[in-house]
Amino acid sequence: MLWDVCQDSATIVPVLMGVLADANQASMHLWSIALLGETGPASSNAVPLLEAKAREDAEYRDGAQKEYEEGIRNTAKEALKKIEATKAGLK
């Protein structure tokens, strides 16, 4: 992954957080969330945003949208687990 190549959290984390905050880049949200999880504790600033993405209070327009939102929630939950696990030295 990109994180494995450059490991520059000072650049990567704010950029990924910006992607997640931009509804026009929704196609990149799943990838961005997964990458934030891979960065581990370096993504601590993104925890509130990831927690918001992990909430199960979204309304769905159709079946495809529901499936996509479930993927976002599940990936955000996994990212949060990875951040916390590596923070605690359990990775």
Protein backbone atom coordinates (compact mmCIF):
# COMPACT_ATOMS: atom_id res chain seq x y z
CA MET A 1 0.00 0.00 0.00
CA LEU A 2 0.93 3.65 -0.26
CA TRP A 3 1.67 3.75 3.48
CA ASP A 4 4.28 1.01 3.07
CA VAL A 5 6.07 3.05 0.42
CA CYS A 6 6.43 6.49 1.97
CA GLN A 7 5.22 6.28 5.61
CA ASP A 8 4.87 10.06 5.76
CA SER A 9 1.96 10.44 8.17
CA ALA A 10 2.37 14.22 8.34
CA THR A 11 1.28 14.34 4.70
CA ILE A 12 -0.87 11.24 4.26
CA VAL A 13 -3.22 11.56 7.26
CA PRO A 14 -4.43 15.13 6.57
CA VAL A 15 -4.88 14.35 2.87
CA LEU A 16 -6.93 11.22 3.62
CA MET A 17 -9.01 13.10 6.18
CA GLY A 18 -9.69 15.74 3.52
CA VAL A 19 -10.81 13.05 1.10
CA LEU A 20 -13.23 11.64 3.70
CA ALA A 21 -14.66 15.08 4.39
CA ASP A 22 -15.32 15.68 0.69
CA ALA A 23 -18.60 14.14 -0.51
CA ASN A 24 -17.44 14.63 -4.10
CA GLN A 25 -14.71 12.05 -3.48
CA ALA A 26 -17.03 9.37 -2.10
CA SER A 27 -15.57 6.79 -4.48
CA MET A 28 -12.27 7.12 -2.59
CA HIS A 29 -13.71 6.93 0.94
CA LEU A 30 -13.40 3.16 1.40
CA TRP A 31 -9.76 3.16 0.25
CA SER A 32 -8.95 6.20 2.39
CA ILE A 33 -10.45 4.62 5.50
CA ALA A 34 -8.50 1.40 4.94
CA LEU A 35 -5.26 3.33 4.49
CA LEU A 36 -5.86 5.32 7.68
CA GLY A 37 -6.17 2.00 9.50
CA GLU A 38 -2.86 0.87 8.02
CA THR A 39 -1.08 3.95 9.35
CA GLY A 40 -1.95 2.92 12.91
CA PRO A 41 -1.40 5.45 15.71
CA ALA A 42 -0.25 8.06 13.19
CA SER A 43 -3.95 8.34 12.30
CA SER A 44 -5.03 9.28 15.82
CA ASN A 45 -6.23 12.67 14.59
CA ALA A 46 -8.63 10.86 12.25
CA VAL A 47 -10.34 8.86 15.02
CA PRO A 48 -13.35 11.22 15.39
CA LEU A 49 -13.90 11.15 11.62
CA LEU A 50 -13.57 7.35 11.54
CA GLU A 51 -15.98 7.03 14.46
CA ALA A 52 -18.50 9.13 12.53
CA LYS A 53 -18.06 6.89 9.48
CA ALA A 54 -18.54 3.80 11.66
CA ARG A 55 -21.95 4.93 12.97
CA GLU A 56 -24.92 2.98 11.77
CA ASP A 57 -27.34 5.86 11.35
CA ALA A 58 -27.16 6.36 7.60
CA GLU A 59 -30.29 6.41 5.46
CA TYR A 60 -30.20 4.47 2.21
CA ARG A 61 -31.45 5.34 -1.22
CA ASP A 62 -31.24 1.86 -2.73
CA GLY A 63 -29.68 -1.57 -2.27
CA ALA A 64 -26.31 -0.64 -3.80
CA GLN A 65 -26.07 2.43 -1.58
CA LYS A 66 -26.86 0.31 1.48
CA GLU A 67 -24.15 -2.20 0.61
CA TYR A 68 -21.59 0.58 0.02
CA GLU A 69 -22.45 2.30 3.33
CA GLU A 70 -22.16 -1.02 5.17
CA GLY A 71 -18.71 -1.45 3.63
CA ILE A 72 -17.74 2.04 4.80
CA ARG A 73 -18.96 1.35 8.35
CA ASN A 74 -17.24 -2.02 8.56
CA THR A 75 -13.97 -0.70 7.15
CA ALA A 76 -14.06 2.27 9.56
CA LYS A 77 -14.60 -0.09 12.50
CA GLU A 78 -11.65 -2.22 11.35
CA ALA A 79 -9.47 0.89 10.93
CA LEU A 80 -10.32 2.02 14.46
CA LYS A 81 -9.38 -1.43 15.82
CA LYS A 82 -6.03 -1.31 14.00
CA ILE A 83 -5.26 2.19 15.27
CA GLU A 84 -6.04 1.19 18.85
CA ALA A 85 -4.22 -2.16 18.62
CA THR A 86 -1.02 -0.65 17.30
CA LYS A 87 -1.30 2.16 19.82
CA ALA A 88 -1.35 -0.45 22.56
CA GLY A 89 1.52 -2.38 20.94
CA LEU A 90 -0.65 -5.34 20.04
CA LYS A 91 -0.22 -5.37 16.28
